[in-house]
Protein backbone atom coordinates (compact mmCIF):
# COMPACT_ATOMS: atom_id res chain seq x y z
CA UNK A 1 17.01 5.07 24.99
CA UNK A 2 13.47 3.60 24.84
CA UNK A 3 13.61 3.41 21.02
CA UNK A 4 17.03 1.74 21.17
CA UNK A 5 15.70 -0.84 23.64
CA UNK A 6 12.70 -1.56 21.38
CA UNK A 7 15.00 -2.08 18.40
CA UNK A 8 17.17 -4.48 20.38
CA UNK A 9 14.17 -6.53 21.52
CA UNK A 10 12.73 -6.68 18.01
CA UNK A 11 16.11 -7.71 16.64
CA UNK A 12 16.20 -10.65 19.05
CA UNK A 13 12.66 -11.62 18.04
CA UNK A 14 13.64 -11.59 14.38
CA UNK A 15 16.44 -14.05 15.11
CA UNK A 16 14.18 -16.18 17.28
CA UNK A 17 11.51 -16.34 14.57
CA UNK A 18 13.99 -17.96 12.19
CA UNK A 19 14.47 -20.91 14.56
CA UNK A 20 11.03 -21.57 16.04
CA UNK A 21 8.40 -23.70 14.33
CA UNK A 22 4.65 -23.42 14.89
CA UNK A 23 2.26 -26.39 14.60
CA UNK A 24 -0.15 -26.13 11.66
CA UNK A 25 -3.36 -27.45 13.25
CA UNK A 26 -6.53 -26.07 14.77
CA UNK A 27 -9.45 -24.04 13.48
CA UNK A 28 -10.52 -20.76 11.97
CA UNK A 29 -12.96 -19.01 14.34
CA UNK A 30 -15.71 -16.61 13.27
CA UNK A 31 -18.94 -15.87 15.11
CA UNK A 32 -20.13 -19.08 16.77
CA UNK A 33 -18.31 -21.22 14.23
CA UNK A 34 -15.09 -23.22 14.15
CA UNK A 35 -13.77 -24.34 10.75
CA UNK A 36 -11.23 -27.21 10.84
CA UNK A 37 -9.42 -27.40 7.45
CA UNK A 38 -7.47 -30.59 8.23
CA UNK A 39 -10.62 -32.44 9.32
CA UNK A 40 -12.86 -30.73 6.74
CA UNK A 41 -15.34 -30.03 9.53
CA UNK A 42 -17.49 -27.02 10.43
CA UNK A 43 -18.78 -26.76 14.00
CA UNK A 44 -21.23 -24.38 15.63
CA UNK A 45 -21.10 -24.32 19.43
CA UNK A 46 -19.38 -27.74 19.40
CA UNK A 47 -22.02 -29.26 17.13
CA UNK A 48 -21.00 -30.41 13.67
CA UNK A 49 -22.72 -28.58 10.81
CA UNK A 50 -23.24 -30.80 7.75
CA UNK A 51 -21.61 -29.35 4.63
CA UNK A 52 -21.19 -30.65 1.13
CA UNK A 53 -17.62 -30.75 -0.27
CA UNK A 54 -18.25 -27.75 -2.56
CA UNK A 55 -19.79 -25.66 0.21
CA UNK A 56 -16.89 -26.49 2.54
CA UNK A 57 -14.28 -25.59 -0.09
CA UNK A 58 -16.04 -22.31 -0.84
CA UNK A 59 -16.24 -21.42 2.86
CA UNK A 60 -12.55 -22.20 3.36
CA UNK A 61 -11.65 -19.96 0.41
CA UNK A 62 -13.80 -17.15 1.81
CA UNK A 63 -12.39 -17.41 5.32
CA UNK A 64 -8.78 -17.44 4.10
CA UNK A 65 -9.56 -14.26 2.13
CA UNK A 66 -11.77 -12.58 4.74
CA UNK A 67 -12.60 -8.93 3.99
CA UNK A 68 -11.09 -9.28 0.50
CA UNK A 69 -13.05 -9.70 -2.70
CA UNK A 70 -13.16 -13.28 -4.00
CA UNK A 71 -13.85 -13.18 -7.72
CA UNK A 72 -16.52 -15.33 -9.31
CA UNK A 73 -14.04 -16.92 -11.69
CA UNK A 74 -11.71 -17.77 -8.78
CA UNK A 75 -14.57 -19.49 -6.94
CA UNK A 76 -15.60 -21.46 -10.01
CA UNK A 77 -12.00 -22.42 -10.76
CA UNK A 78 -11.51 -23.63 -7.17
CA UNK A 79 -14.77 -25.56 -6.90
CA UNK A 80 -15.03 -26.95 -10.43
CA UNK A 81 -11.54 -27.11 -11.95
CA UNK A 82 -11.49 -27.96 -15.65
CA UNK A 83 -15.29 -28.28 -15.65
CA UNK A 84 -17.91 -26.09 -17.28
CA UNK A 85 -20.70 -25.07 -14.91
CA UNK A 86 -23.47 -22.49 -15.05
CA UNK A 87 -23.93 -19.54 -12.71
CA UNK A 88 -26.69 -21.49 -10.99
CA UNK A 89 -24.13 -23.91 -9.51
CA UNK A 90 -22.24 -21.09 -7.80
CA UNK A 91 -25.48 -19.40 -6.72
CA UNK A 92 -26.59 -22.60 -4.97
CA UNK A 93 -23.33 -22.73 -3.02
CA UNK A 94 -23.67 -19.09 -1.90
CA UNK A 95 -27.30 -19.66 -0.87
CA UNK A 96 -26.26 -22.69 1.20
CA UNK A 97 -23.55 -20.71 2.96
CA UNK A 98 -25.92 -17.86 3.77
CA UNK A 99 -28.43 -20.29 5.24
CA UNK A 100 -25.73 -21.65 7.56
CA UNK A 101 -23.94 -18.41 8.46
CA UNK A 102 -26.58 -15.70 8.04
CA UNK A 103 -27.43 -13.56 5.02
CA UNK A 104 -25.01 -10.77 6.01
CA UNK A 105 -22.05 -13.14 6.22
CA UNK A 106 -21.34 -12.96 2.49
CA UNK A 107 -21.65 -9.72 0.55
CA UNK A 108 -22.35 -9.75 -3.17
CA UNK A 109 -20.23 -7.34 -5.20
CA UNK A 110 -22.32 -7.05 -8.32
CA UNK A 111 -20.61 -8.30 -11.50
CA UNK A 112 -17.37 -9.00 -9.60
CA UNK A 113 -17.74 -11.61 -6.89
CA UNK A 114 -18.28 -11.94 -3.15
CA UNK A 115 -16.72 -10.80 0.11
CA UNK A 116 -16.74 -12.68 3.45
CA UNK A 117 -17.84 -10.12 6.05
CA UNK A 118 -17.72 -12.01 9.37
CA UNK A 119 -14.64 -11.06 11.44
CA UNK A 120 -12.20 -13.95 11.62
CA UNK A 121 -11.20 -14.24 15.28
CA UNK A 122 -8.72 -17.09 15.08
CA UNK A 123 -6.57 -19.14 12.71
CA UNK A 124 -5.23 -22.70 12.86
CA UNK A 125 -2.11 -23.05 14.97
CA UNK A 126 -2.40 -19.55 16.49
CA UNK A 127 -2.95 -18.86 20.19
CA UNK A 128 -6.44 -17.38 20.66
CA UNK A 129 -5.40 -14.70 23.13
CA UNK A 130 -2.58 -13.59 20.86
CA UNK A 131 -4.91 -13.54 17.85
CA UNK A 132 -7.31 -11.26 19.73
CA UNK A 133 -4.38 -8.89 20.29
CA UNK A 134 -3.58 -9.09 16.56
CA UNK A 135 -7.18 -8.20 15.60
CA UNK A 136 -7.13 -5.24 17.98
CA UNK A 137 -3.88 -4.05 16.42
CA UNK A 138 -5.32 -4.30 12.89
CA UNK A 139 -8.35 -2.22 13.86
CA UNK A 140 -6.09 0.45 15.35
CA UNK A 141 -3.81 0.44 12.29
CA UNK A 142 -6.78 0.98 9.98
CA UNK A 143 -7.51 4.30 11.72
CA UNK A 144 -4.20 5.60 10.29
CA UNK A 145 -3.59 8.24 12.96
CA UNK A 146 -0.19 8.65 14.58
CA UNK A 147 -1.51 7.67 18.00
CA UNK A 148 -3.43 4.62 16.77
CA UNK A 149 -0.50 3.41 14.65
CA UNK A 150 1.89 3.65 17.60
CA UNK A 151 -0.52 1.65 19.75
CA UNK A 152 -0.96 -0.89 16.97
CA UNK A 153 2.83 -1.24 16.67
CA UNK A 154 3.10 -2.17 20.32
CA UNK A 155 0.31 -4.75 20.03
CA UNK A 156 1.89 -6.37 16.98
CA UNK A 157 5.20 -6.49 18.84
CA UNK A 158 3.45 -8.46 21.58
CA UNK A 159 2.10 -10.84 18.94
CA UNK A 160 5.50 -11.68 17.43
CA UNK A 161 6.96 -12.04 20.91
CA UNK A 162 4.23 -14.61 21.67
CA UNK A 163 4.44 -16.37 18.30
CA UNK A 164 7.56 -15.53 16.25
CA UNK A 165 6.29 -17.64 13.33
CA UNK A 166 3.02 -15.72 12.84
CA UNK A 167 3.78 -14.00 9.54
CA UNK A 168 0.79 -11.57 9.43
CA UNK A 169 1.88 -9.92 12.69
CA UNK A 170 5.38 -9.34 11.26
CA UNK A 171 3.83 -7.81 8.13
CA UNK A 172 1.56 -5.44 10.03
CA UNK A 173 4.37 -4.53 12.41
CA UNK A 174 6.50 -3.60 9.40
CA UNK A 175 3.68 -1.49 8.04
CA UNK A 176 3.40 0.40 11.35
CA UNK A 177 7.12 1.20 11.41
CA UNK A 178 7.04 2.50 7.84
CA UNK A 179 4.00 4.67 8.59
CA UNK A 180 5.56 6.10 11.74
CA UNK A 181 8.75 6.96 9.85
CA UNK A 182 6.89 8.73 7.04
CA UNK A 183 4.24 10.55 9.06
CA UNK A 184 5.76 11.18 12.47
CA UNK A 185 8.96 12.64 13.82
CA UNK A 186 10.20 9.14 14.63
CA UNK A 187 13.64 7.62 14.21
CA UNK A 188 14.90 6.65 10.75
CA UNK A 189 15.52 3.23 12.29
CA UNK A 190 11.80 2.62 11.71
CA UNK A 191 12.59 2.23 8.00
CA UNK A 192 15.25 -0.43 8.58
CA UNK A 193 12.95 -2.25 11.00
CA UNK A 194 10.10 -2.13 8.48
CA UNK A 195 12.34 -3.70 5.84
CA UNK A 196 13.55 -6.46 8.17
CA UNK A 197 10.04 -7.25 9.40
CA UNK A 198 8.44 -7.43 5.98
CA UNK A 199 11.26 -9.63 4.72
CA UNK A 200 10.71 -11.86 7.76
CA UNK A 201 6.98 -12.10 7.00
CA UNK A 202 7.71 -13.13 3.40
CA UNK A 203 10.34 -15.64 4.53
CA UNK A 204 7.74 -17.33 6.76
CA UNK A 205 4.93 -17.13 4.18
CA UNK A 206 6.11 -16.21 0.65
CA UNK A 207 2.50 -15.93 -0.56
CA UNK A 208 1.19 -13.67 2.22
CA UNK A 209 -0.81 -11.03 0.35
CA UNK A 210 -0.63 -8.26 2.97
CA UNK A 211 3.16 -8.64 3.24
CA UNK A 212 3.52 -8.20 -0.53
CA UNK A 213 1.18 -5.21 -0.38
CA UNK A 214 3.05 -3.47 2.46
CA UNK A 215 6.48 -4.32 1.03
CA UNK A 216 5.44 -2.68 -2.24
CA UNK A 217 5.21 0.75 -0.60
CA UNK A 218 8.48 0.25 1.23
CA UNK A 219 10.37 -0.67 -1.94
CA UNK A 220 9.28 2.59 -3.55
CA UNK A 221 10.59 4.51 -0.54
CA UNK A 222 13.89 2.64 -0.81
CA UNK A 223 14.29 3.42 -4.51
CA UNK A 224 13.54 -0.13 -5.67
CA UNK A 225 10.55 0.63 -7.90
CA UNK A 226 11.81 -1.33 -10.91
CA UNK A 227 12.44 -4.42 -8.77
CA UNK A 228 9.01 -3.99 -7.23
CA UNK A 229 7.06 -3.83 -10.51
CA UNK A 230 8.93 -6.90 -11.77
CA UNK A 231 8.11 -8.77 -8.55
CA UNK A 232 4.41 -7.90 -8.73
CA UNK A 233 4.15 -8.65 -12.45
CA UNK A 234 5.60 -12.11 -11.84
CA UNK A 235 3.31 -12.64 -8.85
CA UNK A 236 0.22 -11.77 -10.88
CA UNK A 237 1.36 -13.92 -13.80
CA UNK A 238 1.91 -16.88 -11.46
CA UNK A 239 -1.05 -16.50 -9.07
CA UNK A 240 -3.66 -14.70 -11.12
CA UNK A 241 -5.08 -11.21 -10.90
CA UNK A 242 -5.18 -9.63 -7.41
CA UNK A 243 -6.61 -6.13 -6.90
CA UNK A 244 -4.02 -5.39 -4.19
CA UNK A 245 -1.14 -6.31 -6.48
CA UNK A 246 -2.46 -4.08 -9.25
CA UNK A 247 -2.90 -1.29 -6.69
CA UNK A 248 0.77 -1.69 -5.81
CA UNK A 249 1.69 -1.48 -9.48
CA UNK A 250 -0.06 1.89 -9.68
CA UNK A 251 2.56 3.33 -7.35
CA UNK A 252 5.54 1.36 -8.65
CA UNK A 253 4.90 2.10 -12.32
CA UNK A 254 4.43 5.78 -11.52
CA UNK A 255 7.77 5.91 -9.73
CA UNK A 256 9.36 4.33 -12.80
CA UNK A 257 7.84 7.12 -14.92
CA UNK A 258 5.46 4.69 -16.65
CA UNK A 259 2.43 6.89 -16.07
CA UNK A 260 0.05 5.48 -18.67
CA UNK A 261 0.84 1.97 -17.46
CA UNK A 262 0.10 3.19 -13.93
CA UNK A 263 -3.37 4.30 -15.07
CA UNK A 264 -3.96 0.90 -16.68
CA UNK A 265 -2.97 -0.81 -13.43
CA UNK A 266 -5.53 1.34 -11.60
CA UNK A 267 -8.22 0.33 -14.08
CA UNK A 268 -7.34 -3.36 -13.64
CA UNK A 269 -7.37 -3.01 -9.83
CA UNK A 270 -10.80 -1.36 -9.74
CA UNK A 271 -12.17 -3.77 -12.35
CA UNK A 272 -11.27 -6.61 -9.98
CA UNK A 273 -12.52 -4.83 -6.85
CA UNK A 274 -14.35 -1.50 -7.12
CA UNK A 275 -13.64 -0.81 -3.44
CA UNK A 276 -9.86 -1.05 -3.72
CA UNK A 277 -7.91 2.16 -3.00
CA UNK A 278 -4.92 3.09 -5.17
CA UNK A 279 -2.52 6.04 -5.39
CA UNK A 280 -3.82 7.04 -8.82
CA UNK A 281 -4.36 10.72 -7.77
CA UNK A 282 -0.57 11.14 -7.79
CA UNK A 283 -0.39 9.55 -11.24
CA UNK A 284 -2.96 12.01 -12.56
CA UNK A 285 -0.93 14.82 -10.99
CA UNK A 286 2.27 13.82 -12.80
CA UNK A 287 0.27 13.59 -16.02
CA UNK A 288 -0.79 17.22 -15.35
CA UNK A 289 -4.41 16.06 -15.08
CA UNK A 290 -5.16 18.17 -12.03
CA UNK A 291 -8.96 18.00 -12.05
CA UNK A 292 -8.80 14.20 -12.25
CA UNK A 293 -6.26 14.18 -9.41
CA UNK A 294 -8.57 16.17 -7.13
CA UNK A 295 -11.59 14.08 -8.09
CA UNK A 296 -9.83 10.80 -7.25
CA UNK A 297 -8.09 12.08 -4.08
CA UNK A 298 -9.96 10.09 -1.42
CA UNK A 299 -7.11 9.36 0.99
CA UNK A 300 -6.19 11.40 4.07
CA UNK A 301 -5.70 14.88 2.64
CA UNK A 302 -2.49 16.70 3.35
CA UNK A 303 -0.74 18.12 0.28
CA UNK A 304 -1.79 16.89 -3.15
CA UNK A 305 -5.09 18.71 -3.67
CA UNK A 306 -3.46 21.99 -2.59
CA UNK A 307 -0.73 21.44 -5.20
CA UNK A 308 -3.44 20.77 -7.79
CA UNK A 309 -5.33 23.98 -7.01
CA UNK A 310 -2.05 25.87 -7.29
CA UNK A 311 -1.40 24.34 -10.72
CA UNK A 312 -4.97 25.19 -11.76
CA UNK A 313 -4.37 28.86 -10.97
CA UNK A 314 -6.27 29.06 -7.68
CA UNK A 315 -3.54 29.84 -5.11
CA UNK A 316 -6.06 31.33 -2.66
CA UNK A 317 -7.87 28.02 -2.27
CA UNK A 318 -4.57 26.15 -1.91
CA UNK A 319 -3.41 28.63 0.76
CA UNK A 320 -6.62 28.18 2.74
CA UNK A 321 -6.34 24.39 2.66
CA UNK A 322 -2.71 24.32 3.75
CA UNK A 323 -3.15 26.97 6.46
CA UNK A 324 -6.10 25.11 7.96
CA UNK A 325 -4.34 21.72 7.92
CA UNK A 326 -1.09 22.98 9.37
CA UNK A 327 -3.02 24.56 12.25
CA UNK A 328 -4.82 21.35 13.19
CA UNK A 329 -3.55 19.45 16.26
CA UNK A 330 -3.30 16.22 14.23
CA UNK A 331 -0.26 17.54 12.35
CA UNK A 332 1.70 18.51 15.45
CA UNK A 333 3.51 15.17 15.30
CA UNK A 334 3.71 15.04 11.53
CA UNK A 335 6.98 13.98 9.99
CA UNK A 336 9.46 16.59 8.83
CA UNK A 337 8.87 15.33 5.28
CA UNK A 338 5.14 15.95 5.15
CA UNK A 339 5.11 19.12 7.24
CA UNK A 340 8.03 20.43 5.19
CA UNK A 341 6.28 19.65 1.92
CA UNK A 342 3.11 21.41 3.03
CA UNK A 343 4.89 24.26 4.77
CA UNK A 344 7.19 25.02 1.84
CA UNK A 345 4.29 25.22 -0.61
CA UNK A 346 2.40 27.50 1.77
CA UNK A 347 5.47 29.75 2.10
CA UNK A 348 5.77 29.93 -1.69
CA UNK A 349 2.10 30.87 -2.05
CA UNK A 350 2.49 33.54 0.64
CA UNK A 351 5.63 34.84 -1.14
CA UNK A 352 7.92 34.01 1.78
CA UNK A 353 10.79 32.92 -0.43
CA UNK A 354 13.38 32.75 2.33
CA UNK A 355 11.16 30.62 4.56
CA UNK A 356 10.36 28.23 1.70
CA UNK A 357 14.03 27.81 0.82
CA UNK A 358 15.01 27.24 4.46
CA UNK A 359 12.30 24.64 4.97
CA UNK A 360 13.29 22.65 1.88
CA UNK A 361 17.04 22.73 2.43
CA UNK A 362 16.57 21.38 5.96
CA UNK A 363 14.42 18.43 4.91
CA UNK A 364 15.94 14.94 5.04
CA UNK A 365 14.59 13.06 2.02
CA UNK A 366 16.76 9.97 1.84
CA UNK A 367 13.76 7.62 1.82
CA UNK A 368 11.10 9.37 -0.25
CA UNK A 369 12.11 10.12 -3.86
CA UNK A 370 8.58 11.21 -4.79
CA UNK A 371 8.74 14.01 -2.25
CA UNK A 372 12.11 15.03 -3.72
CA UNK A 373 10.38 15.35 -7.09
CA UNK A 374 7.69 17.57 -5.56
CA UNK A 375 10.38 19.74 -3.99
CA UNK A 376 11.98 20.13 -7.42
CA UNK A 377 8.68 21.65 -8.54
CA UNK A 378 8.75 23.98 -5.54
CA UNK A 379 12.24 25.23 -6.39
CA UNK A 380 11.13 25.78 -9.99
CA UNK A 381 8.21 27.86 -8.68
CA UNK A 382 10.77 29.97 -6.79
CA UNK A 383 12.76 30.44 -10.02
CA UNK A 384 15.69 28.56 -8.49
CA UNK A 385 16.75 26.40 -11.47
CA UNK A 386 19.99 25.00 -10.06
CA UNK A 387 18.28 23.82 -6.88
CA UNK A 388 15.38 22.39 -8.89
CA UNK A 389 17.67 20.39 -11.17
CA UNK A 390 19.68 19.14 -8.19
CA UNK A 391 16.46 17.89 -6.57
CA UNK A 392 15.40 16.19 -9.80
CA UNK A 393 18.77 14.47 -9.89
CA UNK A 394 18.29 13.34 -6.31
CA UNK A 395 14.84 11.92 -7.06
CA UNK A 396 16.18 10.08 -10.12
CA UNK A 397 19.15 8.60 -8.24
CA UNK A 398 16.72 7.30 -5.59
CA UNK A 399 14.44 5.64 -8.12
CA UNK A 400 11.81 8.19 -9.17
CA UNK A 401 11.48 9.66 -12.67
CA UNK A 402 8.67 11.39 -14.58
CA UNK A 403 9.83 12.57 -17.99
CA UNK A 404 6.25 13.40 -19.02
CA UNK A 405 5.99 15.87 -16.15
CA UNK A 406 9.36 17.43 -16.96
CA UNK A 407 8.23 17.93 -20.56
CA UNK A 408 4.70 19.22 -19.88
CA UNK A 409 4.36 20.67 -16.36
CA UNK A 410 4.14 24.47 -16.54
CA UNK A 411 6.38 25.03 -13.53
CA UNK A 412 9.35 23.71 -15.51
CA UNK A 413 8.83 25.95 -18.55
CA UNK A 414 11.70 28.31 -17.75
CA UNK A 415 14.09 25.40 -17.12
CA UNK A 416 13.65 23.59 -20.42
CA UNK A 417 16.33 25.63 -22.20
CA UNK A 418 18.96 24.65 -19.63
CA UNK A 419 21.43 21.93 -20.60
CA UNK A 420 21.41 20.34 -17.13
CA UNK A 421 17.60 20.12 -17.19
CA UNK A 422 17.63 18.53 -20.64
CA UNK A 423 20.21 16.04 -19.38
CA UNK A 424 17.86 15.05 -16.55
CA UNK A 425 15.04 14.70 -19.05
CA UNK A 426 17.14 12.43 -21.28
CA UNK A 427 18.35 10.32 -18.35
CA UNK A 428 14.79 9.96 -17.09
CA UNK A 429 13.59 8.75 -20.48
CA UNK A 430 16.42 6.24 -20.68
CA UNK A 431 15.63 4.83 -17.22
CA UNK A 432 11.93 4.66 -18.06
CA UNK A 433 12.69 2.70 -21.22
CA UNK A 434 14.81 0.31 -19.16
CA UNK A 435 12.02 -0.11 -16.59
CA UNK A 436 9.43 -0.69 -19.33
CA UNK A 437 11.56 -3.43 -20.89
CA UNK A 438 12.07 -5.15 -17.51
CA UNK A 439 8.34 -4.91 -16.72
CA UNK A 440 7.29 -6.31 -20.08
CA UNK A 441 9.80 -9.17 -19.81
CA UNK A 442 8.15 -10.07 -16.51
CA UNK A 443 4.79 -10.27 -18.28
CA UNK A 444 3.69 -6.70 -17.63
CA UNK A 445 2.07 -6.04 -20.99
CA UNK A 446 -0.02 -9.19 -20.78
CA UNK A 447 -1.33 -8.55 -17.26
CA UNK A 448 -2.35 -4.97 -18.09
CA UNK A 449 -4.12 -5.82 -21.34
């Protein structure tokens, strides 16, 4: 009943947000400073701070991209369009900003660019109290625990109730609902809400980077990987290279079976920002590069490294990892998808065939085709070819293929003589060719080169 009421309230807010308009005036707030874009003025404790035009433009670019890497070439292009300047010009601007704001305000990322490190506490046209709630929600969401994400969701809901035209709050709210669907035992309505909220964020601000980033993951879950890689390729071609967009391509290209392109997207993302996190461990896994997958697996660890150790012939280590993680209190509220994935692999390793089969057949995998692919591997490990092929078909129909894995992964060796398996392999290759053509038509080859 409580979840139904929340959905009804959020539905009304979505409709309200389409009608209301928010004034675009005011200041960015950070530390003791107020930055007024419309007046081109910087104030510190109500006193105007003199700034040259180039210094002001650089500060505005930094503040609008707070916590994100701003590349050197982007700064130069913004400050000196169509003009050749030396590195000394940019260095002088950075030195001036550090004198005004403090040396720690701007971090140098060697050979790449700079990052604005002061927390932005307010934006033009946004209520200050509401923005404080938004910042608190973002900090909670970054923790990525079930409890913190649920608390963040409620704070973001307060934000959009206060200001239905504040696009970032809609984007982060959508991210929370997707996370809670995937990693908790929440309602499947979270997925529909996530889709509606992210679409609302993009309708308000079509260029909002975080909305594009969060929507990328959702499109993969919804089986729209080809549409997603085309969207991101066009975005990069139009707006220039963004590490977050390339990070999204890592996942989307992998789901389309374009594994080598996925690796190239990872290299482009980390070349733009060495601190960016991508899903490349899963790409390495599908390429049967298990050592590389483990080495690059820096995210919250649940399943993938255990699957890698199994593939590397060390089932004891995989069993220990899964047993320990499934015993921890943090997984008590884990989604059926993730607990089922981990639990079924553990049952296979412990030779509890019946338990593994029961776990997998009870899992609802309508919105995660990559997990369906992993379950196909599990059925192959159980020497259940019909069930494995059926799961591969399900993954393909929901937008996930990996013909390289089907052709090279050892767990599928015994299936490769089957006609139905070969049919899946052929269909996967055909879909991957189609996705590659669509991606390249959108400028994919150029942005990866």
